[in-house]
Amino acid sequence: MFNFFERITKKVSERNLRLGLTSEILIILVLGSMFSIELVKYGYFILLGAMLLIFHALNVVLFNWYKNSKTNFRTIFYGIFGFELLIFFIGIQTPQVPLKIYILIAAILIGLPSVRDMFK
């Protein structure tokens, strides 16, 4: 599974990858804000999972840097997923984000070039 995601990610240009990650962050933030009433009781579990994933990825990256070895995509994926959970937690804690649906539509439009590059 990680090899599939690695191949798809390498096809995307750097500009579109940045746009895709930005749109992903905005989408996750707005979705967390939209469903904050239902998910606020699970907020600390989401935060705990995010911190565990981020600390695991950080430890592996630092040990690989110390050993002068290459970091694999799985570790980067865990770190990004942990960061996304952290953004989701922040979205849950901020239900008062104005114009949520417009931000969601803009984020989807920002991410379209990245999706187009992935499936070329």
Protein backbone atom coordinates (compact mmCIF):
# COMPACT_ATOMS: atom_id res chain seq x y z
CA MET A 1 0.00 0.00 0.00
CA PHE A 2 2.78 2.43 0.87
CA ASN A 3 4.55 1.67 -2.42
CA PHE A 4 1.38 2.64 -4.29
CA PHE A 5 1.15 5.99 -2.47
CA GLU A 6 4.86 6.58 -2.98
CA ARG A 7 4.55 6.05 -6.74
CA ILE A 8 1.55 8.37 -6.95
CA THR A 9 3.23 11.08 -4.89
CA LYS A 10 6.39 11.04 -7.01
CA LYS A 11 4.33 11.79 -10.14
CA VAL A 12 3.09 15.12 -8.75
CA SER A 13 5.13 18.27 -9.32
CA GLU A 14 6.44 20.14 -6.29
CA ARG A 15 4.07 23.08 -6.80
CA ASN A 16 1.01 20.85 -7.08
CA LEU A 17 2.15 18.77 -4.11
CA ARG A 18 2.30 21.92 -1.99
CA LEU A 19 -1.14 22.97 -3.23
CA GLY A 20 -2.50 19.49 -2.50
CA LEU A 21 -1.15 19.44 1.04
CA THR A 22 -2.47 22.96 1.67
CA SER A 23 -5.92 21.99 0.43
CA GLU A 24 -5.80 18.82 2.51
CA ILE A 25 -5.02 20.84 5.65
CA LEU A 26 -7.85 23.28 4.92
CA ILE A 27 -10.34 20.48 4.20
CA ILE A 28 -9.46 18.64 7.41
CA LEU A 29 -9.65 21.85 9.46
CA VAL A 30 -13.07 22.76 8.08
CA LEU A 31 -14.43 19.22 8.45
CA GLY A 32 -13.30 19.18 12.07
CA SER A 33 -15.01 22.51 12.58
CA MET A 34 -18.21 21.34 10.89
CA PHE A 35 -18.53 18.21 13.03
CA SER A 36 -17.11 19.66 16.24
CA ILE A 37 -20.28 19.20 18.30
CA GLU A 38 -20.38 15.46 17.62
CA LEU A 39 -16.63 14.88 17.92
CA VAL A 40 -15.64 17.08 20.85
CA LYS A 41 -15.98 14.16 23.27
CA TYR A 42 -13.34 12.22 21.28
CA GLY A 43 -10.97 15.20 21.06
CA TYR A 44 -8.42 14.01 23.58
CA PHE A 45 -8.20 10.56 21.99
CA ILE A 46 -7.61 12.21 18.62
CA LEU A 47 -4.94 14.42 20.18
CA LEU A 48 -3.30 11.41 21.84
CA GLY A 49 -3.22 9.50 18.54
CA ALA A 50 -1.81 12.51 16.72
CA MET A 51 0.95 13.01 19.28
CA LEU A 52 1.90 9.32 19.25
CA LEU A 53 2.16 9.29 15.45
CA ILE A 54 4.12 12.55 15.31
CA PHE A 55 6.54 11.50 18.06
CA HIS A 56 7.06 8.10 16.42
CA ALA A 57 7.81 9.70 13.06
CA LEU A 58 10.10 12.27 14.66
CA ASN A 59 12.03 9.58 16.56
CA VAL A 60 12.52 7.47 13.44
CA VAL A 61 13.60 10.48 11.37
CA LEU A 62 16.09 11.60 14.02
CA PHE A 63 17.54 8.10 14.43
CA ASN A 64 17.84 7.74 10.65
CA TRP A 65 19.56 11.13 10.49
CA TYR A 66 21.94 10.05 13.24
CA LYS A 67 22.76 6.80 11.42
CA ASN A 68 23.00 8.62 8.05
CA SER A 69 20.37 6.34 6.56
CA LYS A 70 17.38 7.11 4.39
CA THR A 71 13.91 7.66 5.86
CA ASN A 72 11.28 5.50 4.20
CA PHE A 73 7.92 6.70 2.95
CA ARG A 74 6.02 4.83 5.67
CA THR A 75 7.55 7.05 8.36
CA ILE A 76 6.76 10.18 6.40
CA PHE A 77 3.20 8.92 5.92
CA TYR A 78 2.80 8.35 9.67
CA GLY A 79 4.10 11.83 10.39
CA ILE A 80 1.76 13.45 7.88
CA PHE A 81 -1.19 11.44 9.19
CA GLY A 82 -0.36 12.49 12.75
CA PHE A 83 -0.13 16.11 11.63
CA GLU A 84 -3.52 15.78 9.91
CA LEU A 85 -5.04 14.38 13.09
CA LEU A 86 -3.62 17.36 14.97
CA ILE A 87 -5.18 19.75 12.44
CA PHE A 88 -8.47 17.83 12.81
CA PHE A 89 -8.27 18.29 16.58
CA ILE A 90 -7.69 22.03 16.11
CA GLY A 91 -10.71 22.11 13.81
CA ILE A 92 -12.81 20.35 16.43
CA GLN A 93 -11.78 22.93 19.01
CA THR A 94 -12.74 25.86 16.74
CA PRO A 95 -16.40 25.49 15.74
CA GLN A 96 -16.75 29.23 15.10
CA VAL A 97 -14.82 29.25 11.79
CA PRO A 98 -16.77 31.61 9.51
CA LEU A 99 -17.82 30.68 5.96
CA LYS A 100 -16.99 26.98 6.39
CA ILE A 101 -18.62 25.80 3.18
CA TYR A 102 -16.82 28.46 1.09
CA ILE A 103 -13.47 27.54 2.60
CA LEU A 104 -14.21 23.88 1.86
CA ILE A 105 -15.06 24.63 -1.78
CA ALA A 106 -11.94 26.80 -2.18
CA ALA A 107 -9.78 24.05 -0.66
CA ILE A 108 -11.19 21.47 -3.06
CA LEU A 109 -10.50 23.78 -6.00
CA ILE A 110 -6.94 24.40 -4.78
CA GLY A 111 -6.33 20.64 -4.61
CA LEU A 112 -7.65 19.76 -8.08
CA PRO A 113 -4.31 20.24 -9.94
CA SER A 114 -2.64 17.85 -7.52
CA VAL A 115 -5.33 15.21 -8.05
CA ARG A 116 -5.07 15.66 -11.82
CA ASP A 117 -1.29 15.08 -11.67
CA MET A 118 -1.71 11.97 -9.53
CA PHE A 119 -3.94 10.17 -11.99
CA LYS A 120 -2.21 11.18 -15.23
